[in-house]
PDB file of all heavy atoms in Angstrom:
ATOM      1  N   GLU A   1     -89.103-107.361  59.309  1.00  0.00           N
ATOM      2  CA  GLU A   1     -88.053-106.990  58.365  1.00  0.00           C
ATOM      3  C   GLU A   1     -86.672-107.362  58.903  1.00  0.00           C
ATOM      4  O   GLU A   1     -85.788-107.802  58.156  1.00  0.00           O
ATOM      5  CB  GLU A   1     -88.131-105.490  58.062  1.00  0.00           C
ATOM      6  CG  GLU A   1     -89.448-105.095  57.411  1.00  0.00           C
ATOM      7  CD  GLU A   1     -89.497-103.643  56.976  1.00  0.00           C
ATOM      8  OE1 GLU A   1     -88.422-103.001  56.872  1.00  0.00           O
ATOM      9  OE2 GLU A   1     -90.612-103.130  56.725  1.00  0.00           O
ATOM     10  N   ILE A   2     -86.497-107.208  60.207  1.00  0.00           N
ATOM     11  CA  ILE A   2     -85.226-107.589  60.836  1.00  0.00           C
ATOM     12  C   ILE A   2     -85.025-109.100  60.751  1.00  0.00           C
ATOM     13  O   ILE A   2     -83.931-109.594  60.454  1.00  0.00           O
ATOM     14  CB  ILE A   2     -85.205-107.112  62.304  1.00  0.00           C
ATOM     15  CG1 ILE A   2     -85.297-105.584  62.365  1.00  0.00           C
ATOM     16  CG2 ILE A   2     -83.945-107.604  63.016  1.00  0.00           C
ATOM     17  CD1 ILE A   2     -85.494-105.042  63.769  1.00  0.00           C
ATOM     18  N   ILE A   3     -86.099-109.849  61.008  1.00  0.00           N
ATOM     19  CA  ILE A   3     -86.016-111.309  60.927  1.00  0.00           C
ATOM     20  C   ILE A   3     -85.724-111.743  59.498  1.00  0.00           C
ATOM     21  O   ILE A   3     -84.879-112.613  59.256  1.00  0.00           O
ATOM     22  CB  ILE A   3     -87.324-111.961  61.432  1.00  0.00           C
ATOM     23  CG1 ILE A   3     -87.543-111.630  62.917  1.00  0.00           C
ATOM     24  CG2 ILE A   3     -87.284-113.473  61.219  1.00  0.00           C
ATOM     25  CD1 ILE A   3     -88.921-112.034  63.429  1.00  0.00           C
ATOM     26  N   ALA A   4     -86.413-111.143  58.540  1.00  0.00           N
ATOM     27  CA  ALA A   4     -86.194-111.497  57.135  1.00  0.00           C
ATOM     28  C   ALA A   4     -84.747-111.234  56.729  1.00  0.00           C
ATOM     29  O   ALA A   4     -84.129-112.050  56.026  1.00  0.00           O
ATOM     30  CB  ALA A   4     -87.153-110.714  56.246  1.00  0.00           C
ATOM     31  N   GLN A   5     -84.213-110.114  57.166  1.00  0.00           N
ATOM     32  CA  GLN A   5     -82.806-109.810  56.862  1.00  0.00           C
ATOM     33  C   GLN A   5     -81.884-110.875  57.437  1.00  0.00           C
ATOM     34  O   GLN A   5     -80.948-111.329  56.770  1.00  0.00           O
ATOM     35  CB  GLN A   5     -82.431-108.446  57.439  1.00  0.00           C
ATOM     36  CG  GLN A   5     -80.994-108.035  57.150  1.00  0.00           C
ATOM     37  CD  GLN A   5     -80.592-106.782  57.899  1.00  0.00           C
ATOM     38  OE1 GLN A   5     -80.115-106.828  59.030  1.00  0.00           O
ATOM     39  NE2 GLN A   5     -80.792-105.636  57.265  1.00  0.00           N
ATOM     40  N   LYS A   6     -82.180-111.308  58.655  1.00  0.00           N
ATOM     41  CA  LYS A   6     -81.345-112.330  59.293  1.00  0.00           C
ATOM     42  C   LYS A   6     -81.428-113.649  58.528  1.00  0.00           C
ATOM     43  O   LYS A   6     -80.406-114.322  58.309  1.00  0.00           O
ATOM     44  CB  LYS A   6     -81.801-112.531  60.741  1.00  0.00           C
ATOM     45  CG  LYS A   6     -80.868-113.371  61.596  1.00  0.00           C
ATOM     46  CD  LYS A   6     -79.810-112.504  62.251  1.00  0.00           C
ATOM     47  CE  LYS A   6     -78.933-113.301  63.192  1.00  0.00           C
ATOM     48  NZ  LYS A   6     -78.670-112.654  64.455  1.00  0.00           N
ATOM     49  N   LEU A   7     -82.629-114.031  58.107  1.00  0.00           N
ATOM     50  CA  LEU A   7     -82.778-115.268  57.349  1.00  0.00           C
ATOM     51  C   LEU A   7     -81.983-115.203  56.047  1.00  0.00           C
ATOM     52  O   LEU A   7     -81.339-116.179  55.648  1.00  0.00           O
ATOM     53  CB  LEU A   7     -84.255-115.538  57.061  1.00  0.00           C
ATOM     54  CG  LEU A   7     -85.155-115.841  58.255  1.00  0.00           C
ATOM     55  CD1 LEU A   7     -86.606-115.992  57.807  1.00  0.00           C
ATOM     56  CD2 LEU A   7     -84.706-117.083  58.997  1.00  0.00           C
ATOM     57  N   CYS A   8     -82.033-114.063  55.389  1.00  0.00           N
ATOM     58  CA  CYS A   8     -81.277-113.895  54.146  1.00  0.00           C
ATOM     59  C   CYS A   8     -79.774-114.000  54.391  1.00  0.00           C
ATOM     60  O   CYS A   8     -79.045-114.639  53.624  1.00  0.00           O
ATOM     61  CB  CYS A   8     -81.605-112.549  53.507  1.00  0.00           C
ATOM     62  SG  CYS A   8     -83.262-112.418  52.810  1.00  0.00           S
ATOM     63  N   LEU A   9     -79.312-113.385  55.463  1.00  0.00           N
ATOM     64  CA  LEU A   9     -77.889-113.441  55.786  1.00  0.00           C
ATOM     65  C   LEU A   9     -77.447-114.863  56.099  1.00  0.00           C
ATOM     66  O   LEU A   9     -76.401-115.325  55.636  1.00  0.00           O
ATOM     67  CB  LEU A   9     -77.586-112.525  56.971  1.00  0.00           C
ATOM     68  CG  LEU A   9     -77.542-111.020  56.696  1.00  0.00           C
ATOM     69  CD1 LEU A   9     -77.466-110.241  58.004  1.00  0.00           C
ATOM     70  CD2 LEU A   9     -76.362-110.670  55.794  1.00  0.00           C
ATOM     71  N   ILE A  10     -78.244-115.566  56.894  1.00  0.00           N
ATOM     72  CA  ILE A  10     -77.882-116.929  57.292  1.00  0.00           C
ATOM     73  C   ILE A  10     -77.790-117.834  56.069  1.00  0.00           C
ATOM     74  O   ILE A  10     -76.855-118.633  55.939  1.00  0.00           O
ATOM     75  CB  ILE A  10     -78.904-117.482  58.307  1.00  0.00           C
ATOM     76  CG1 ILE A  10     -78.764-116.761  59.659  1.00  0.00           C
ATOM     77  CG2 ILE A  10     -78.734-118.994  58.483  1.00  0.00           C
ATOM     78  CD1 ILE A  10     -79.866-117.076  60.652  1.00  0.00           C
ATOM     79  N   GLN A  11     -78.760-117.710  55.174  1.00  0.00           N
ATOM     80  CA  GLN A  11     -78.804-118.601  54.008  1.00  0.00           C
ATOM     81  C   GLN A  11     -78.094-118.013  52.790  1.00  0.00           C
ATOM     82  O   GLN A  11     -78.003-118.676  51.761  1.00  0.00           O
ATOM     83  CB  GLN A  11     -80.257-118.940  53.682  1.00  0.00           C
ATOM     84  CG  GLN A  11     -80.946-119.694  54.808  1.00  0.00           C
ATOM     85  CD  GLN A  11     -82.348-120.183  54.448  1.00  0.00           C
ATOM     86  OE1 GLN A  11     -82.744-120.200  53.284  1.00  0.00           O
ATOM     87  NE2 GLN A  11     -83.097-120.598  55.454  1.00  0.00           N
ATOM     88  N   ASP A  12     -77.596-116.785  52.932  1.00  0.00           N
ATOM     89  CA  ASP A  12     -76.861-116.121  51.851  1.00  0.00           C
ATOM     90  C   ASP A  12     -77.665-116.108  50.560  1.00  0.00           C
ATOM     91  O   ASP A  12     -77.189-116.464  49.483  1.00  0.00           O
ATOM     92  CB  ASP A  12     -75.500-116.799  51.630  1.00  0.00           C
ATOM     93  CG  ASP A  12     -74.538-115.927  50.807  1.00  0.00           C
ATOM     94  OD1 ASP A  12     -74.671-114.698  50.868  1.00  0.00           O
ATOM     95  OD2 ASP A  12     -73.669-116.488  50.122  1.00  0.00           O
ATOM     96  N   THR A  13     -78.917-115.677  50.684  1.00  0.00           N
ATOM     97  CA  THR A  13     -79.817-115.635  49.540  1.00  0.00           C
ATOM     98  C   THR A  13     -80.873-114.570  49.774  1.00  0.00           C
ATOM     99  O   THR A  13     -81.196-114.244  50.929  1.00  0.00           O
ATOM    100  CB  THR A  13     -80.500-116.997  49.315  1.00  0.00           C
ATOM    101  OG1 THR A  13     -81.391-116.887  48.205  1.00  0.00           O
ATOM    102  CG2 THR A  13     -81.280-117.449  50.536  1.00  0.00           C
ATOM    103  N   LEU A  14     -81.438-114.049  48.683  1.00  0.00           N
ATOM    104  CA  LEU A  14     -82.560-113.118  48.792  1.00  0.00           C
ATOM    105  C   LEU A  14     -83.896-113.849  48.846  1.00  0.00           C
ATOM    106  O   LEU A  14     -84.942-113.207  48.936  1.00  0.00           O
ATOM    107  CB  LEU A  14     -82.547-112.150  47.602  1.00  0.00           C
ATOM    108  CG  LEU A  14     -81.390-111.145  47.566  1.00  0.00           C
ATOM    109  CD1 LEU A  14     -81.409-110.345  46.272  1.00  0.00           C
ATOM    110  CD2 LEU A  14     -81.444-110.212  48.772  1.00  0.00           C
ATOM    111  N   ALA A  15     -83.859-115.168  48.779  1.00  0.00           N
ATOM    112  CA  ALA A  15     -85.089-115.973  48.818  1.00  0.00           C
ATOM    113  C   ALA A  15     -84.939-117.111  49.827  1.00  0.00           C
ATOM    114  O   ALA A  15     -84.852-118.285  49.467  1.00  0.00           O
ATOM    115  CB  ALA A  15     -85.404-116.526  47.433  1.00  0.00           C
ATOM    116  N   PRO A  16     -84.892-116.791  51.125  1.00  0.00           N
ATOM    117  CA  PRO A  16     -84.675-117.832  52.143  1.00  0.00           C
ATOM    118  C   PRO A  16     -85.865-118.770  52.265  1.00  0.00           C
ATOM    119  O   PRO A  16     -87.010-118.377  52.054  1.00  0.00           O
ATOM    120  CB  PRO A  16     -84.491-117.018  53.433  1.00  0.00           C
ATOM    121  CG  PRO A  16     -85.269-115.764  53.194  1.00  0.00           C
ATOM    122  CD  PRO A  16     -85.096-115.461  51.722  1.00  0.00           C
ATOM    123  N   LYS A  17     -85.577-120.027  52.599  1.00  0.00           N
ATOM    124  CA  LYS A  17     -86.613-121.031  52.786  1.00  0.00           C
ATOM    125  C   LYS A  17     -86.362-121.771  54.096  1.00  0.00           C
ATOM    126  O   LYS A  17     -85.256-122.274  54.325  1.00  0.00           O
ATOM    127  CB  LYS A  17     -86.618-122.037  51.622  1.00  0.00           C
ATOM    128  CG  LYS A  17     -86.969-121.436  50.262  1.00  0.00           C
ATOM    129  CD  LYS A  17     -88.424-121.018  50.185  1.00  0.00           C
ATOM    130  CE  LYS A  17     -88.786-120.525  48.784  1.00  0.00           C
ATOM    131  NZ  LYS A  17     -90.194-120.058  48.702  1.00  0.00           N
ATOM    132  N   LEU A  18     -87.381-121.852  54.928  1.00  0.00           N
ATOM    133  CA  LEU A  18     -87.291-122.617  56.170  1.00  0.00           C
ATOM    134  C   LEU A  18     -87.746-124.041  55.891  1.00  0.00           C
ATOM    135  O   LEU A  18     -88.815-124.260  55.310  1.00  0.00           O
ATOM    136  CB  LEU A  18     -88.164-121.981  57.251  1.00  0.00           C
ATOM    137  CG  LEU A  18     -87.790-120.544  57.643  1.00  0.00           C
ATOM    138  CD1 LEU A  18     -88.842-119.952  58.575  1.00  0.00           C
ATOM    139  CD2 LEU A  18     -86.417-120.508  58.294  1.00  0.00           C
ATOM    140  N   SER A  19     -86.943-125.003  56.316  1.00  0.00           N
ATOM    141  CA  SER A  19     -87.219-126.394  55.978  1.00  0.00           C
ATOM    142  C   SER A  19     -87.169-127.286  57.212  1.00  0.00           C
ATOM    143  O   SER A  19     -86.207-127.243  57.978  1.00  0.00           O
ATOM    144  CB  SER A  19     -86.186-126.882  54.953  1.00  0.00           C
ATOM    145  OG  SER A  19     -86.337-128.255  54.682  1.00  0.00           O
ATOM    146  N   LYS A  20     -88.198-128.075  57.400  1.00  0.00           N
ATOM    147  CA  LYS A  20     -88.262-129.113  58.434  1.00  0.00           C
ATOM    148  C   LYS A  20     -87.798-128.614  59.804  1.00  0.00           C
ATOM    149  O   LYS A  20     -86.765-129.038  60.327  1.00  0.00           O
ATOM    150  CB  LYS A  20     -87.445-130.338  58.013  1.00  0.00           C
ATOM    151  CG  LYS A  20     -87.988-131.029  56.771  1.00  0.00           C
ATOM    152  CD  LYS A  20     -87.246-132.313  56.448  1.00  0.00           C
ATOM    153  CE  LYS A  20     -87.842-133.005  55.226  1.00  0.00           C
ATOM    154  NZ  LYS A  20     -87.143-134.264  54.887  1.00  0.00           N
ATOM    155  N   PRO A  21     -88.558-127.723  60.433  1.00  0.00           N
ATOM    156  CA  PRO A  21     -88.168-127.208  61.755  1.00  0.00           C
ATOM    157  C   PRO A  21     -88.003-128.343  62.759  1.00  0.00           C
ATOM    158  O   PRO A  21     -88.815-129.271  62.805  1.00  0.00           O
ATOM    159  CB  PRO A  21     -89.317-126.280  62.135  1.00  0.00           C
ATOM    160  CG  PRO A  21     -90.477-126.736  61.304  1.00  0.00           C
ATOM    161  CD  PRO A  21     -89.879-127.226  60.013  1.00  0.00           C
ATOM    162  N   THR A  22     -86.933-128.251  63.529  1.00  0.00           N
ATOM    163  CA  THR A  22     -86.571-129.313  64.474  1.00  0.00           C
ATOM    164  C   THR A  22     -86.506-128.763  65.886  1.00  0.00           C
ATOM    165  O   THR A  22     -85.968-127.677  66.114  1.00  0.00           O
ATOM    166  CB  THR A  22     -85.201-129.903  64.086  1.00  0.00           C
ATOM    167  OG1 THR A  22     -85.311-130.540  62.815  1.00  0.00           O
ATOM    168  CG2 THR A  22     -84.726-130.912  65.112  1.00  0.00           C
ATOM    169  N   MET A  23     -87.033-129.508  66.833  1.00  0.00           N
ATOM    170  CA  MET A  23     -86.929-129.169  68.256  1.00  0.00           C
ATOM    171  C   MET A  23     -86.205-130.305  68.967  1.00  0.00           C
ATOM    172  O   MET A  23     -86.631-131.455  68.916  1.00  0.00           O
ATOM    173  CB  MET A  23     -88.317-128.984  68.873  1.00  0.00           C
ATOM    174  CG  MET A  23     -88.298-128.694  70.372  1.00  0.00           C
ATOM    175  SD  MET A  23     -87.587-127.091  70.803  1.00  0.00           S
ATOM    176  CE  MET A  23     -88.840-125.987  70.110  1.00  0.00           C
ATOM    177  N   LEU A  24     -85.099-129.974  69.608  1.00  0.00           N
ATOM    178  CA  LEU A  24     -84.353-130.928  70.421  1.00  0.00           C
ATOM    179  C   LEU A  24     -84.527-130.554  71.883  1.00  0.00           C
ATOM    180  O   LEU A  24     -84.123-129.466  72.304  1.00  0.00           O
ATOM    181  CB  LEU A  24     -82.867-130.905  70.050  1.00  0.00           C
ATOM    182  CG  LEU A  24     -82.509-131.203  68.596  1.00  0.00           C
ATOM    183  CD1 LEU A  24     -80.996-131.106  68.400  1.00  0.00           C
ATOM    184  CD2 LEU A  24     -83.016-132.573  68.166  1.00  0.00           C
ATOM    185  N   VAL A  25     -85.134-131.447  72.656  1.00  0.00           N
ATOM    186  CA  VAL A  25     -85.318-131.215  74.087  1.00  0.00           C
ATOM    187  C   VAL A  25     -84.357-132.117  74.847  1.00  0.00           C
ATOM    188  O   VAL A  25     -84.475-133.346  74.806  1.00  0.00           O
ATOM    189  CB  VAL A  25     -86.773-131.487  74.527  1.00  0.00           C
ATOM    190  CG1 VAL A  25     -86.914-131.257  76.027  1.00  0.00           C
ATOM    191  CG2 VAL A  25     -87.738-130.580  73.763  1.00  0.00           C
ATOM    192  N   PHE A  26     -83.388-131.509  75.520  1.00  0.00           N
ATOM    193  CA  PHE A  26     -82.349-132.232  76.251  1.00  0.00           C
ATOM    194  C   PHE A  26     -82.751-132.315  77.733  1.00  0.00           C
ATOM    195  O   PHE A  26     -83.142-131.311  78.326  1.00  0.00           O
ATOM    196  CB  PHE A  26     -81.010-131.516  76.128  1.00  0.00           C
ATOM    197  CG  PHE A  26     -80.483-131.441  74.723  1.00  0.00           C
ATOM    198  CD1 PHE A  26     -80.788-130.370  73.906  1.00  0.00           C
ATOM    199  CD2 PHE A  26     -79.684-132.463  74.216  1.00  0.00           C
ATOM    200  CE1 PHE A  26     -80.305-130.296  72.604  1.00  0.00           C
ATOM    201  CE2 PHE A  26     -79.190-132.405  72.923  1.00  0.00           C
ATOM    202  CZ  PHE A  26     -79.506-131.327  72.111  1.00  0.00           C
ATOM    203  N   ALA A  27     -82.610-133.499  78.313  1.00  0.00           N
ATOM    204  CA  ALA A  27     -83.008-133.700  79.703  1.00  0.00           C
ATOM    205  C   ALA A  27     -81.865-134.313  80.511  1.00  0.00           C
ATOM    206  O   ALA A  27     -81.149-135.195  80.016  1.00  0.00           O
ATOM    207  CB  ALA A  27     -84.233-134.613  79.784  1.00  0.00           C
ATOM    208  N   ALA A  28     -81.702-133.833  81.735  1.00  0.00           N
ATOM    209  CA  ALA A  28     -80.647-134.375  82.609  1.00  0.00           C
ATOM    210  C   ALA A  28     -80.916-133.960  84.047  1.00  0.00           C
ATOM    211  O   ALA A  28     -81.658-133.006  84.316  1.00  0.00           O
ATOM    212  CB  ALA A  28     -79.274-133.865  82.160  1.00  0.00           C
ATOM    213  N   ASP A  29     -80.296-134.681  84.969  1.00  0.00           N
ATOM    214  CA  ASP A  29     -80.416-134.373  86.396  1.00  0.00           C
ATOM    215  C   ASP A  29     -79.153-133.711  86.926  1.00  0.00           C
ATOM    216  O   ASP A  29     -78.081-133.787  86.323  1.00  0.00           O
ATOM    217  CB  ASP A  29     -80.722-135.653  87.186  1.00  0.00           C
ATOM    218  CG  ASP A  29     -82.190-136.016  87.126  1.00  0.00           C
ATOM    219  OD1 ASP A  29     -83.019-135.131  87.421  1.00  0.00           O
ATOM    220  OD2 ASP A  29     -82.515-137.165  86.776  1.00  0.00           O
ATOM    221  N   HIS A  30     -79.323-133.061  88.075  1.00  0.00           N
ATOM    222  CA  HIS A  30     -78.266-132.247  88.680  1.00  0.00           C
ATOM    223  C   HIS A  30     -77.999-132.712  90.109  1.00  0.00           C
ATOM    224  O   HIS A  30     -78.912-132.760  90.942  1.00  0.00           O
ATOM    225  CB  HIS A  30     -78.687-130.774  88.680  1.00  0.00           C
ATOM    226  CG  HIS A  30     -78.829-130.202  87.301  1.00  0.00           C
ATOM    227  ND1 HIS A  30     -77.958-129.288  86.780  1.00  0.00           N
ATOM    228  CD2 HIS A  30     -79.742-130.449  86.311  1.00  0.00           C
ATOM    229  CE1 HIS A  30     -78.312-128.978  85.543  1.00  0.00           C
ATOM    230  NE2 HIS A  30     -79.401-129.684  85.237  1.00  0.00           N
ATOM    231  N   GLY A  31     -76.730-133.021  90.379  1.00  0.00           N
ATOM    232  CA  GLY A  31     -76.372-133.563  91.687  1.00  0.00           C
ATOM    233  C   GLY A  31     -76.633-132.642  92.853  1.00  0.00           C
ATOM    234  O   GLY A  31     -76.922-133.106  93.966  1.00  0.00           O
ATOM    235  N   ILE A  32     -76.580-131.322  92.624  1.00  0.00           N
ATOM    236  CA  ILE A  32     -76.786-130.356  93.710  1.00  0.00           C
ATOM    237  C   ILE A  32     -78.158-130.532  94.353  1.00  0.00           C
ATOM    238  O   ILE A  32     -78.334-130.312  95.555  1.00  0.00           O
ATOM    239  CB  ILE A  32     -76.625-128.912  93.181  1.00  0.00           C
ATOM    240  CG1 ILE A  32     -76.657-127.886  94.316  1.00  0.00           C
ATOM    241  CG2 ILE A  32     -77.673-128.594  92.127  1.00  0.00           C
ATOM    242  CD1 ILE A  32     -75.427-127.854  95.158  1.00  0.00           C
ATOM    243  N   VAL A  33     -79.148-130.993  93.562  1.00  0.00           N
ATOM    244  CA  VAL A  33     -80.528-131.103  94.049  1.00  0.00           C
ATOM    245  C   VAL A  33     -80.644-132.150  95.147  1.00  0.00           C
ATOM    246  O   VAL A  33     -81.509-132.059  96.028  1.00  0.00           O
ATOM    247  CB  VAL A  33     -81.471-131.438  92.872  1.00  0.00           C
ATOM    248  CG1 VAL A  33     -82.888-131.709  93.355  1.00  0.00           C
ATOM    249  CG2 VAL A  33     -81.464-130.311  91.855  1.00  0.00           C
ATOM    250  N   ASN A  34     -79.761-133.144  95.122  1.00  0.00           N
ATOM    251  CA  ASN A  34     -79.834-134.210  96.131  1.00  0.00           C
ATOM    252  C   ASN A  34     -79.438-133.739  97.519  1.00  0.00           C
ATOM    253  O   ASN A  34     -79.799-134.385  98.521  1.00  0.00           O
ATOM    254  CB  ASN A  34     -78.917-135.373  95.713  1.00  0.00           C
ATOM    255  CG  ASN A  34     -79.390-136.055  94.454  1.00  0.00           C
ATOM    256  OD1 ASN A  34     -80.591-136.248  94.251  1.00  0.00           O
ATOM    257  ND2 ASN A  34     -78.448-136.420  93.584  1.00  0.00           N
ATOM    258  N   ASN A  35     -78.703-132.646  97.596  1.00  0.00           N
ATOM    259  CA  ASN A  35     -78.168-132.206  98.879  1.00  0.00           C
ATOM    260  C   ASN A  35     -78.602-130.816  99.311  1.00  0.00           C
ATOM    261  O   ASN A  35     -78.464-130.477 100.485  1.00  0.00           O
ATOM    262  CB  ASN A  35     -76.631-132.248  98.834  1.00  0.00           C
ATOM    263  CG  ASN A  35     -76.102-133.653  98.617  1.00  0.00           C
ATOM    264  OD1 ASN A  35     -76.557-134.604  99.256  1.00  0.00           O
ATOM    265  ND2 ASN A  35     -75.152-133.807  97.701  1.00  0.00           N
ATOM    266  N   TYR A  36     -79.120-130.018  98.387  1.00  0.00           N
ATOM    267  CA  TYR A  36     -79.489-128.638  98.722  1.00  0.00           C
ATOM    268  C   TYR A  36     -80.816-128.268  98.064  1.00  0.00           C
ATOM    269  O   TYR A  36     -81.111-128.690  96.938  1.00  0.00           O
ATOM    270  CB  TYR A  36     -78.408-127.657  98.261  1.00  0.00           C
ATOM    271  CG  TYR A  36     -77.124-127.771  99.040  1.00  0.00           C
ATOM    272  CD1 TYR A  36     -76.061-128.505  98.541  1.00  0.00           C
ATOM    273  CD2 TYR A  36     -76.988-127.152 100.285  1.00  0.00           C
ATOM    274  CE1 TYR A  36     -74.869-128.615  99.257  1.00  0.00           C
ATOM    275  CE2 TYR A  36     -75.811-127.258 101.010  1.00  0.00           C
ATOM    276  CZ  TYR A  36     -74.756-127.985 100.498  1.00  0.00           C
ATOM    277  OH  TYR A  36     -73.587-128.105 101.205  1.00  0.00           O
ATOM    278  N   PRO A  37     -81.630-127.444  98.752  1.00  0.00           N
ATOM    279  CA  PRO A  37     -82.955-127.075  98.235  1.00  0.00           C
ATOM    280  C   PRO A  37     -82.894-125.915  97.240  1.00  0.00           C
ATOM    281  O   PRO A  37     -83.432-124.823  97.482  1.00  0.00           O
ATOM    282  CB  PRO A  37     -83.705-126.672  99.512  1.00  0.00           C
ATOM    283  CG  PRO A  37     -82.642-126.084 100.395  1.00  0.00           C
ATOM    284  CD  PRO A  37     -81.401-126.904 100.128  1.00  0.00           C
ATOM    285  N   VAL A  38     -82.257-126.145  96.081  1.00  0.00           N
ATOM    286  CA  VAL A  38     -82.175-125.079  95.083  1.00  0.00           C
ATOM    287  C   VAL A  38     -83.386-125.073  94.163  1.00  0.00           C
ATOM    288  O   VAL A  38     -83.533-124.191  93.319  1.00  0.00           O
ATOM    289  CB  VAL A  38     -80.880-125.194  94.244  1.00  0.00           C
ATOM    290  CG1 VAL A  38     -79.657-124.990  95.122  1.00  0.00           C
ATOM    291  CG2 VAL A  38     -80.818-126.550  93.529  1.00  0.00           C
ATOM    292  N   SER A  39     -84.249-126.073  94.290  1.00  0.00           N
ATOM    293  CA  SER A  39     -85.456-126.154  93.478  1.00  0.00           C
ATOM    294  C   SER A  39     -86.647-126.479  94.362  1.00  0.00           C
ATOM    295  O   SER A  39     -86.507-127.125  95.411  1.00  0.00           O
ATOM    296  CB  SER A  39     -85.303-127.247  92.409  1.00  0.00           C
ATOM    297  OG  SER A  39     -86.519-127.430  91.710  1.00  0.00           O
ATOM    298  N   SER A  40     -87.825-126.023  93.923  1.00  0.00           N
ATOM    299  CA  SER A  40     -89.048-126.345  94.664  1.00  0.00           C
ATOM    300  C   SER A  40     -89.536-127.750  94.359  1.00  0.00           C
ATOM    301  O   SER A  40     -90.437-128.262  95.023  1.00  0.00           O
ATOM    302  CB  SER A  40     -90.147-125.339  94.313  1.00  0.00           C
ATOM    303  OG  SER A  40     -90.438-125.388  92.923  1.00  0.00           O
ATOM    304  N   CYS A  41     -88.941-128.399  93.358  1.00  0.00           N
ATOM    305  CA  CYS A  41     -89.365-129.740  92.933  1.00  0.00           C
ATOM    306  C   CYS A  41     -88.294-130.772  93.252  1.00  0.00           C
ATOM    307  O   CYS A  41     -87.102-130.484  93.155  1.00  0.00           O
ATOM    308  CB  CYS A  41     -89.637-129.770  91.438  1.00  0.00           C
ATOM    309  SG  CYS A  41     -90.929-128.649  90.877  1.00  0.00           S
ATOM    310  N   PRO A  42     -88.667-131.985  93.594  1.00  0.00           N
ATOM    311  CA  PRO A  42     -87.690-133.049  93.806  1.00  0.00           C
ATOM    312  C   PRO A  42     -87.156-133.558  92.467  1.00  0.00           C
ATOM    313  O   PRO A  42     -87.766-133.365  91.415  1.00  0.00           O
ATOM    314  CB  PRO A  42     -88.494-134.139  94.513  1.00  0.00           C
ATOM    315  CG  PRO A  42     -89.898-133.935  94.025  1.00  0.00           C
ATOM    316  CD  PRO A  42     -90.055-132.447  93.865  1.00  0.00           C
ATOM    317  N   GLN A  43     -86.022-134.236  92.517  1.00  0.00           N
ATOM    318  CA  GLN A  43     -85.382-134.716  91.295  1.00  0.00           C
ATOM    319  C   GLN A  43     -86.260-135.692  90.526  1.00  0.00           C
ATOM    320  O   GLN A  43     -86.151-135.795  89.289  1.00  0.00           O
ATOM    321  CB  GLN A  43     -84.034-135.373  91.643  1.00  0.00           C
ATOM    322  CG  GLN A  43     -83.159-135.639  90.440  1.00  0.00           C
ATOM    323  CD  GLN A  43     -81.817-136.219  90.826  1.00  0.00           C
ATOM    324  OE1 GLN A  43     -81.698-137.424  91.036  1.00  0.00           O
ATOM    325  NE2 GLN A  43     -80.813-135.363  90.932  1.00  0.00           N
ATOM    326  N   GLU A  44     -87.154-136.386  91.212  1.00  0.00           N
ATOM    327  CA  GLU A  44     -88.008-137.371  90.537  1.00  0.00           C
ATOM    328  C   GLU A  44     -88.872-136.746  89.436  1.00  0.00           C
ATOM    329  O   GLU A  44     -89.370-137.445  88.547  1.00  0.00           O
ATOM    330  CB  GLU A  44     -88.931-138.057  91.553  1.00  0.00           C
ATOM    331  CG  GLU A  44     -88.238-138.987  92.520  1.00  0.00           C
ATOM    332  CD  GLU A  44     -87.511-138.245  93.653  1.00  0.00           C
ATOM    333  OE1 GLU A  44     -87.743-137.023  93.806  1.00  0.00           O
ATOM    334  OE2 GLU A  44     -86.702-138.893  94.350  1.00  0.00           O
ATOM    335  N   VAL A  45     -89.033-135.434  89.490  1.00  0.00           N
ATOM    336  CA  VAL A  45     -89.866-134.770  88.493  1.00  0.00           C
ATOM    337  C   VAL A  45     -89.214-134.801  87.112  1.00  0.00           C
ATOM    338  O   VAL A  45     -89.914-134.819  86.091  1.00  0.00           O
ATOM    339  CB  VAL A  45     -90.170-133.316  88.930  1.00  0.00           C
ATOM    340  CG1 VAL A  45     -90.853-132.534  87.807  1.00  0.00           C
ATOM    341  CG2 VAL A  45     -91.053-133.322  90.178  1.00  0.00           C
ATOM    342  N   THR A  46     -87.871-134.850  87.058  1.00  0.00           N
ATOM    343  CA  THR A  46     -87.213-134.877  85.747  1.00  0.00           C
ATOM    344  C   THR A  46     -87.653-136.072  84.914  1.00  0.00           C
ATOM    345  O   THR A  46     -88.167-135.879  83.797  1.00  0.00           O
ATOM    346  CB  THR A  46     -85.678-134.852  85.891  1.00  0.00           C
ATOM    347  OG1 THR A  46     -85.271-133.699  86.624  1.00  0.00           O
ATOM    348  CG2 THR A  46     -85.017-134.833  84.524  1.00  0.00           C
ATOM    349  N   PRO A  47     -87.500-137.320  85.383  1.00  0.00           N
ATOM    350  CA  PRO A  47     -87.977-138.440  84.549  1.00  0.00           C
ATOM    351  C   PRO A  47     -89.483-138.431  84.352  1.00  0.00           C
ATOM    352  O   PRO A  47     -89.975-138.866  83.292  1.00  0.00           O
ATOM    353  CB  PRO A  47     -87.516-139.686  85.309  1.00  0.00           C
ATOM    354  CG  PRO A  47     -87.279-139.235  86.709  1.00  0.00           C
ATOM    355  CD  PRO A  47     -86.825-137.815  86.608  1.00  0.00           C
TER     356      PRO A  47
END
């Protein structure tokens, strides 16, 4: 019921419709990893 209320508020309607769900996965490397062990994995794992 809480989710339904939120959908109605977002779409400003009493009959919300979800359309074409999209997932964007962003990938990038971090310079700190080259010099300090802040991760258990090496940077090569990103690509």
